[in-house]
Protein backbone atom coordinates (compact mmCIF):
# COMPACT_ATOMS: atom_id res chain seq x y z
CA MET A 1 84.11 136.93 116.06
CA GLN A 2 83.16 136.83 112.38
CA ARG A 3 81.79 133.49 111.19
CA ILE A 4 80.72 132.63 107.68
CA ASN A 5 78.20 129.94 106.78
CA TYR A 6 80.06 128.03 104.08
CA GLY A 7 79.66 124.52 102.73
CA GLY A 8 77.36 123.31 105.46
CA GLY A 9 79.54 124.61 108.35
CA PHE A 10 80.83 127.88 109.80
CA MET A 11 84.03 129.35 108.37
CA LYS A 12 86.18 131.97 110.10
CA SER A 13 88.27 134.49 108.23
CA PHE A 14 91.89 134.96 109.43
CA SER A 15 94.20 137.77 108.37
CA TYR A 16 97.89 136.95 108.74
CA VAL A 17 101.46 138.14 108.30
CA ALA A 18 103.93 135.39 107.41
CA GLN A 19 107.31 134.66 105.82
CA ASP A 20 107.93 132.31 102.92
CA ALA A 21 110.97 130.02 102.44
CA LYS A 22 112.98 132.91 100.89
CA GLY A 23 112.31 135.20 103.86
CA LYS A 24 109.85 137.40 101.97
CA GLN A 25 107.02 138.85 104.04
CA VAL A 26 103.56 137.77 102.90
CA LYS A 27 100.24 139.27 103.99
CA GLY A 28 96.90 137.69 103.28
CA MET A 29 93.56 136.39 104.40
CA LEU A 30 92.49 132.77 104.70
CA ASN A 31 89.23 131.00 105.55
CA ALA A 32 89.20 128.01 107.91
CA GLU A 33 86.74 126.32 110.27
CA ASN A 34 89.02 126.87 113.28
CA GLU A 35 92.47 128.01 114.34
CA GLN A 36 94.02 124.52 113.99
CA GLU A 37 92.85 124.20 110.38
CA PHE A 38 94.14 127.71 109.62
CA LEU A 39 97.63 126.85 110.95
CA LYS A 40 97.58 123.58 109.02
CA LYS A 41 96.74 125.35 105.75
CA ILE A 42 99.47 127.94 106.33
CA LYS A 43 102.01 125.16 106.99
CA GLU A 44 100.96 123.34 103.79
CA ARG A 45 101.79 126.50 101.84
CA GLY A 46 105.30 126.58 103.24
CA LEU A 47 104.74 129.78 105.23
CA PHE A 48 105.95 130.70 108.72
CA VAL A 49 103.32 132.72 110.59
CA LYS A 50 104.53 135.80 112.41
CA ASP A 51 101.12 137.18 113.37
CA TYR A 52 97.47 136.41 112.72
CA LYS A 53 93.99 137.27 113.95
CA GLU A 54 90.36 136.66 113.15
CA SER A 55 89.05 139.27 110.76
CA ASP A 56 85.79 141.20 110.79
CA SER A 57 86.45 142.73 107.38
CA ASP A 58 83.93 143.35 104.61
CA TYR A 59 85.57 140.50 102.74
CA ALA A 60 84.43 138.07 105.41
CA LYS A 61 80.88 139.16 104.78
CA SER A 62 81.23 138.71 101.01
CA ILE A 63 82.35 135.06 101.04
CA TYR A 64 81.20 133.33 97.89
CA LYS A 65 82.22 130.05 96.30
CA PHE A 66 82.52 130.07 92.51
CA ASP A 67 81.08 127.03 90.76
CA THR A 68 82.73 125.28 87.80
CA LYS A 69 80.67 127.19 85.22
CA GLU A 70 81.69 130.57 86.67
CA LEU A 71 85.34 129.51 86.98
CA SER A 72 85.39 128.43 83.34
CA PHE A 73 83.88 131.76 82.24
CA CYS A 74 86.28 133.87 84.34
CA CYS A 75 89.36 131.94 83.15
CA ARG A 76 88.22 132.15 79.53
CA GLN A 77 87.67 135.90 79.76
CA LEU A 78 91.04 136.51 81.42
CA SER A 79 92.77 134.33 78.82
CA ALA A 80 91.19 136.23 75.92
CA MET A 81 92.05 139.64 77.38
CA LEU A 82 95.64 138.71 78.31
CA THR A 83 96.23 137.16 74.88
CA SER A 84 94.98 140.35 73.20
CA GLY A 85 97.62 142.37 75.03
CA LEU A 86 95.69 143.88 77.95
CA THR A 87 97.48 144.10 81.29
CA LEU A 88 96.43 141.81 84.13
CA VAL A 89 95.14 144.76 86.19
CA LYS A 90 92.96 146.02 83.31
CA SER A 91 91.73 142.47 82.55
CA ILE A 92 90.64 141.94 86.17
CA ASP A 93 88.96 145.36 86.20
CA ILE A 94 86.90 144.46 83.13
CA LEU A 95 86.09 141.03 84.55
CA THR A 96 84.93 142.65 87.81
CA LYS A 97 82.43 144.81 85.93
CA GLN A 98 81.08 141.73 84.11
CA GLN A 99 80.08 139.97 87.35
CA GLU A 100 76.32 139.87 87.88
CA ASN A 101 76.44 138.47 91.42
CA GLU A 102 77.18 141.15 94.03
CA LYS A 103 79.32 138.88 96.23
CA ALA A 104 81.34 137.68 93.23
CA ARG A 105 81.84 141.29 92.14
CA ALA A 106 83.03 142.24 95.65
CA ILE A 107 85.63 139.45 95.59
CA TRP A 108 86.95 140.41 92.14
CA GLN A 109 87.02 144.06 93.21
CA ASP A 110 89.19 143.12 96.19
CA ILE A 111 91.47 141.10 93.89
CA TYR A 112 91.71 144.05 91.49
CA GLU A 113 92.68 146.46 94.28
CA ASN A 114 95.34 144.11 95.69
CA VAL A 115 96.89 143.35 92.29
CA GLN A 116 96.90 147.09 91.54
CA LYS A 117 98.88 147.62 94.77
CA GLY A 118 101.57 145.19 93.57
CA GLU A 119 100.47 141.85 95.03
CA SER A 120 100.80 138.83 92.76
CA PHE A 121 97.61 137.39 91.28
CA SER A 122 98.11 133.99 92.96
CA THR A 123 98.76 135.57 96.40
CA THR A 124 95.59 137.61 96.06
CA LEU A 125 93.60 134.51 95.11
CA GLU A 126 95.01 132.80 98.24
CA MET A 127 93.40 135.53 100.31
CA HIS A 128 90.10 134.21 98.95
CA ALA A 129 90.93 130.52 99.30
CA GLY A 130 87.36 129.78 100.34
CA SER A 131 86.05 131.15 97.05
CA PHE A 132 88.60 129.68 94.63
CA PRO A 133 89.86 126.06 94.55
CA GLU A 134 93.45 125.30 95.58
CA PHE A 135 94.04 123.77 92.15
CA LEU A 136 93.36 127.07 90.37
CA ILE A 137 95.56 129.01 92.81
CA SER A 138 98.47 126.58 92.21
CA MET A 139 98.08 126.83 88.45
CA VAL A 140 97.98 130.64 88.51
CA GLY A 141 101.16 130.65 90.61
CA ALA A 142 102.85 128.36 88.07
CA GLY A 143 101.66 130.58 85.21
CA GLU A 144 103.06 133.70 86.86
CA SER A 145 106.43 131.98 87.50
CA SER A 146 106.73 130.76 83.90
CA GLY A 147 105.32 133.93 82.30
CA SER A 148 102.54 131.99 80.58
CA LEU A 149 99.50 133.11 82.55
CA ASP A 150 97.38 133.48 79.40
CA ILE A 151 98.04 129.85 78.40
CA ILE A 152 97.33 128.66 81.95
CA MET A 153 94.02 130.55 81.97
CA THR A 154 93.03 128.83 78.72
CA ARG A 155 93.85 125.43 80.22
CA MET A 156 91.92 126.26 83.38
CA SER A 157 88.92 127.35 81.33
CA ASP A 158 88.96 124.05 79.43
CA HIS A 159 89.45 122.12 82.67
CA TYR A 160 86.49 123.68 84.48
CA ALA A 161 84.33 123.52 81.36
CA LYS A 162 84.89 119.75 81.27
CA GLU A 163 84.29 119.46 85.02
CA ASN A 164 81.03 121.33 84.55
CA LYS A 165 80.08 119.09 81.62
CA LEU A 166 80.68 115.96 83.73
CA LYS A 167 78.63 117.41 86.58
CA ASN A 168 75.76 118.23 84.22
CA THR A 169 75.96 114.78 82.65
CA ILE A 170 75.56 113.19 86.09
CA LYS A 171 72.66 115.52 86.96
CA SER A 172 70.78 114.86 83.73
CA ALA A 173 71.44 111.12 83.93
CA MET A 174 70.06 111.00 87.49
CA THR A 175 66.83 112.82 86.59
CA TYR A 176 64.94 109.70 85.45
CA PRO A 177 65.96 107.49 88.43
CA ILE A 178 64.95 110.29 90.82
CA ILE A 179 61.55 110.59 89.11
CA LEU A 180 61.14 106.81 89.42
CA ALA A 181 62.05 106.93 93.12
CA VAL A 182 59.52 109.71 93.80
CA MET A 183 56.84 107.81 91.86
CA LEU A 184 57.63 104.67 93.85
CA VAL A 185 57.13 106.46 97.17
CA VAL A 186 53.95 108.24 96.00
CA ILE A 187 52.40 105.02 94.61
CA MET A 188 53.24 103.08 97.77
CA MET A 189 51.76 105.76 100.05
CA PHE A 190 48.62 106.05 97.89
CA LEU A 191 48.04 102.28 97.80
CA PHE A 192 48.57 101.68 101.51
CA ILE A 193 46.92 104.82 102.91
CA PHE A 194 43.89 105.21 100.63
CA ILE A 195 43.24 101.94 98.74
CA MET A 196 44.23 99.22 101.21
CA PRO A 197 41.74 100.26 103.98
CA THR A 198 38.86 99.79 101.51
CA PHE A 199 39.74 96.14 100.93
CA ILE A 200 40.45 95.49 104.61
CA ALA A 201 36.91 96.67 105.39
CA MET A 202 35.55 93.80 103.25
CA TYR A 203 36.54 91.31 105.96
CA ASP A 204 34.02 90.94 108.78
CA ASP A 205 36.61 89.17 110.94
CA PRO A 206 40.32 90.15 110.67
CA LYS A 207 41.19 86.53 111.49
CA ASP A 208 39.83 85.51 108.09
CA MET A 209 42.58 87.48 106.35
CA PRO A 210 45.40 85.56 104.66
CA VAL A 211 48.89 86.08 106.15
CA LEU A 212 50.04 88.42 103.37
CA THR A 213 46.89 90.55 103.71
CA ARG A 214 47.42 90.82 107.48
CA ILE A 215 50.98 92.01 106.98
CA LEU A 216 49.89 94.61 104.42
CA ALA A 217 47.00 95.70 106.67
CA ALA A 218 49.41 96.21 109.57
CA LEU A 219 51.70 98.24 107.31
CA SER A 220 48.73 100.31 106.12
CA ASP A 221 47.65 101.06 109.71
CA PHE A 222 51.21 101.99 110.63
CA LEU A 223 51.48 104.47 107.74
CA ARG A 224 48.05 105.95 108.49
CA TYR A 225 48.27 106.33 112.26
CA LYS A 226 51.99 106.45 112.99
CA TRP A 227 53.26 108.40 110.00
CA TYR A 228 55.26 110.65 112.31
CA LEU A 229 57.43 107.66 113.23
CA VAL A 230 58.15 107.10 109.53
CA VAL A 231 59.19 110.75 109.17
CA GLY A 232 61.31 110.51 112.32
CA ILE A 233 63.05 107.30 111.18
CA ALA A 234 63.72 108.77 107.72
CA ALA A 235 65.16 111.96 109.24
CA ALA A 236 67.28 109.96 111.72
CA LEU A 237 68.65 107.80 108.89
CA TYR A 238 69.45 110.85 106.75
CA PHE A 239 71.27 112.79 109.46
CA GLY A 240 72.83 109.61 110.88
CA ILE A 241 74.38 108.72 107.52
CA ARG A 242 75.58 112.30 107.02
CA TYR A 243 77.22 112.29 110.45
CA ALA A 244 78.73 108.83 109.94
CA LEU A 245 80.33 109.92 106.66
CA LYS A 246 82.13 112.68 108.55
CA VAL A 247 83.87 110.07 110.73
CA PRO A 248 87.23 109.39 108.99
CA SER A 249 87.16 105.59 109.46
CA VAL A 250 83.57 105.29 108.15
CA LYS A 251 84.26 107.63 105.22
CA LEU A 252 87.37 105.63 104.33
CA LYS A 253 85.35 102.40 104.14
CA PHE A 254 82.59 104.08 102.13
CA ASP A 255 85.11 105.60 99.69
CA ARG A 256 86.83 102.22 99.34
CA LEU A 257 83.45 100.64 98.52
CA LYS A 258 82.94 103.21 95.74
CA VAL A 259 86.20 102.10 94.13
CA LYS A 260 86.06 98.35 94.86
CA GLY A 261 82.31 97.72 94.75
CA PRO A 262 81.00 94.99 92.43
CA GLY A 263 79.66 96.23 89.10
CA PHE A 264 79.85 99.96 89.78
CA GLY A 265 83.45 100.04 91.13
CA PRO A 266 85.19 99.77 87.72
CA LEU A 267 82.89 102.47 86.33
CA VAL A 268 83.75 104.85 89.19
CA CYS A 269 87.46 104.11 88.63
CA LYS A 270 87.04 105.04 84.96
CA ILE A 271 85.56 108.42 85.96
CA TYR A 272 88.40 108.95 88.45
CA THR A 273 90.98 108.05 85.78
CA GLY A 274 89.63 110.70 83.40
CA ARG A 275 89.63 113.45 86.04
CA PHE A 276 93.06 112.46 87.36
CA ALA A 277 94.63 112.36 83.86
CA ARG A 278 93.23 115.78 82.94
CA THR A 279 94.32 117.40 86.22
CA LEU A 280 97.79 115.82 86.20
CA SER A 281 98.28 116.86 82.57
CA SER A 282 97.42 120.50 83.36
CA LEU A 283 99.67 120.62 86.43
CA TYR A 284 102.68 118.81 84.93
CA SER A 285 102.68 120.79 81.67
CA SER A 286 102.73 124.01 83.73
CA GLY A 287 106.11 123.10 85.23
CA ILE A 288 104.90 122.18 88.72
CA PRO A 289 107.07 119.48 90.42
CA MET A 290 105.71 115.94 90.09
CA VAL A 291 105.23 115.43 93.84
CA GLU A 292 103.03 118.53 94.11
CA CYS A 293 101.23 117.50 90.91
CA LEU A 294 100.29 114.16 92.50
CA GLU A 295 99.11 115.81 95.73
CA ARG A 296 96.88 118.26 93.87
CA ALA A 297 95.60 115.77 91.28
CA SER A 298 94.60 113.14 93.86
CA SER A 299 92.85 115.70 96.11
CA ILE A 300 90.67 116.77 93.15
CA LEU A 301 88.96 113.35 93.25
CA GLY A 302 87.64 113.91 96.80
CA ASN A 303 88.07 110.27 97.84
CA SER A 304 89.81 109.54 101.16
CA TYR A 305 90.73 105.98 100.08
CA VAL A 306 92.46 107.34 96.97
CA ASP A 307 94.21 109.99 99.11
CA GLU A 308 95.51 107.28 101.42
CA LYS A 309 96.84 105.24 98.49
CA PHE A 310 98.52 108.30 97.00
CA GLU A 311 100.48 108.92 100.19
CA ASP A 312 102.36 105.74 99.30
CA VAL A 313 102.62 106.80 95.64
CA ILE A 314 104.15 110.15 96.60
CA ASP A 315 106.64 108.47 98.99
CA GLU A 316 107.68 106.00 96.28
CA VAL A 317 108.12 108.77 93.67
CA LYS A 318 110.24 110.76 96.15
CA GLN A 319 112.47 107.67 96.52
CA GLY A 320 113.00 107.46 92.76
CA GLU A 321 110.27 105.00 91.76
CA THR A 322 108.62 105.60 88.39
CA LEU A 323 105.10 107.04 88.45
CA SER A 324 103.70 104.21 86.30
CA SER A 325 104.96 101.55 88.75
CA ALA A 326 103.71 103.46 91.79
CA ILE A 327 100.17 104.03 90.50
CA THR A 328 99.91 100.44 89.22
CA ARG A 329 100.28 99.20 92.81
CA THR A 330 97.32 101.31 93.95
CA GLU A 331 94.99 99.05 91.88
CA ILE A 332 92.75 102.08 91.27
CA PHE A 333 93.53 102.98 87.67
CA GLU A 334 93.09 100.80 84.61
CA PRO A 335 96.16 98.85 83.38
CA MET A 336 95.94 100.67 80.04
CA PHE A 337 96.29 104.05 81.75
CA CYS A 338 99.31 102.84 83.73
CA SER A 339 100.88 101.57 80.49
CA VAL A 340 100.30 104.94 78.81
CA VAL A 341 102.00 106.71 81.72
CA PHE A 342 104.95 104.30 81.40
CA VAL A 343 105.28 105.12 77.67
CA GLY A 344 105.12 108.85 78.46
CA GLU A 345 107.89 108.53 81.04
CA GLU A 346 110.10 106.52 78.70
CA SER A 347 109.59 108.90 75.78
CA GLY A 348 109.89 112.09 77.85
CA ALA A 349 106.51 113.31 76.59
CA LEU A 350 104.38 112.60 79.66
CA ASP A 351 102.47 115.91 79.52
CA SER A 352 101.31 115.52 75.89
CA ILE A 353 100.45 111.83 76.31
CA LEU A 354 98.45 112.59 79.47
CA GLU A 355 96.53 115.30 77.62
CA LYS A 356 95.56 112.89 74.82
CA THR A 357 94.70 110.17 77.33
CA SER A 358 92.50 112.54 79.33
CA ASP A 359 90.45 113.27 76.18
CA TYR A 360 89.87 109.55 75.69
CA TYR A 361 88.92 108.92 79.31
CA GLU A 362 86.56 111.90 79.37
CA GLU A 363 84.48 110.20 76.68
CA GLU A 364 84.72 106.96 78.65
CA SER A 365 83.61 108.83 81.80
CA ASP A 366 80.42 110.02 80.09
CA ALA A 367 79.69 106.43 79.01
CA ALA A 368 80.48 105.19 82.55
CA VAL A 369 77.97 107.65 84.06
CA GLN A 370 75.28 106.39 81.68
CA ARG A 371 76.06 102.78 82.58
CA LEU A 372 75.97 103.55 86.30
CA VAL A 373 72.53 105.10 85.93
CA GLY A 374 71.52 102.19 83.68
CA MET A 375 72.21 99.88 86.64
CA VAL A 376 69.86 101.86 88.91
CA GLU A 377 66.85 102.14 86.58
CA PRO A 378 66.06 98.37 86.32
CA LEU A 379 66.37 98.01 90.10
CA MET A 380 63.84 100.81 90.63
CA LEU A 381 61.42 99.25 88.12
CA ILE A 382 61.79 95.80 89.71
CA LEU A 383 61.17 97.25 93.20
CA MET A 384 58.08 99.08 91.92
CA GLY A 385 56.81 95.86 90.35
CA VAL A 386 57.39 93.88 93.57
CA ILE A 387 55.46 96.41 95.68
CA ILE A 388 52.51 96.48 93.28
CA GLY A 389 52.63 92.67 93.02
CA LEU A 390 52.53 92.28 96.82
CA PHE A 391 49.65 94.72 97.02
CA VAL A 392 47.65 92.83 94.39
CA GLY A 393 48.45 89.54 96.14
CA GLY A 394 47.19 91.00 99.41
CA VAL A 395 43.92 92.49 98.14
CA TYR A 396 42.99 89.74 95.64
CA PRO A 397 41.51 87.35 98.27
CA ALA A 398 39.24 90.14 99.54
CA LEU A 399 38.23 91.09 96.02
CA TYR A 400 37.65 87.46 95.04
CA GLY A 401 35.64 86.83 98.21
CA SER A 402 33.37 89.83 97.60
CA MET A 403 32.72 88.70 94.01
CA GLU A 404 31.74 85.24 95.25
CA SER A 405 29.34 86.83 97.75
CA ILE A 406 27.70 88.81 94.94
CA GLU A 407 27.31 85.65 92.83
CA ASP A 408 25.76 83.73 95.77
CA GLU A 409 23.18 86.47 96.23
């Protein structure tokens, strides 16, 4: 049995033979955690499985997940080569040789060989579903159907470039709060492990200590002599929270809090609006049906609460409800965005209006990230000030008492 360590868990690689809705035989390879997930993914793609088995192929050993920066680069290169008149096979061959990572090169080599044999580009990407996002595979399929693969590749390059920019914005914005958090822990440990015992030793009788000093002394002793319990509790909390967030009901509540939380909720919704608008614009302008557009666009956000709300949106759209009315009832997106969607539907220019709106909300998303971080920084500074203030309040009586003793002598 071939298992691949991927995304924090083990992935298996399945090779399969299936039929699509038109009766055409399809061969491929798909990564899934288990057999049930594999069958679910196959069903979602509208395929009927005739035969499948776990694979021990070289591909399974070369599993590699492309990040947003790499995806943007690959799409940009393919777009440039296709636009200049090169064939898809030759473009993929050149792109394969440009890969610096061995695993990435192995995947593109496999894609090159399959496309050269006559497989479609999107089908070949599906064989490497663990390496490429479903969104990209759907867009490539739409590009092949419409004969505009070069345009789709340009859009995908722009999309992943903006995704990468947002990710980098969040990382850079979080640098200062993380530094503050580390400083807070280091200062607290230094004060209570090395400085506090010195002041405690100034008291001949522990009963003479004020209440605050006794509490701080007990905390100091706990950190000095039972530090392993602190490490154990921290580890238990970390792994406990990680496990809890894998439970669907707990994750749903946590994801709902992200959207509805006081102060930060509207900022998170603004970020979601920008990503949703950009993704929906790319999908809809490529000729993909609206229902599939909504499924793909909502899944990009990675929020189970949003996914649950969009099940209702998709049902309502299937029944003939307008998109603007359906998404308004979710209470996730800003009223202005819903109004823009309504105007796009009425004018028949939803794709172009969504594209312009996504540009606006991307700028708003950057500002929202900065404001979110701006909410964390004061809290960290206040907490640091409280800890230092408590420490000073605890050691001052000892310091004051020792100074009086010196004066008396």
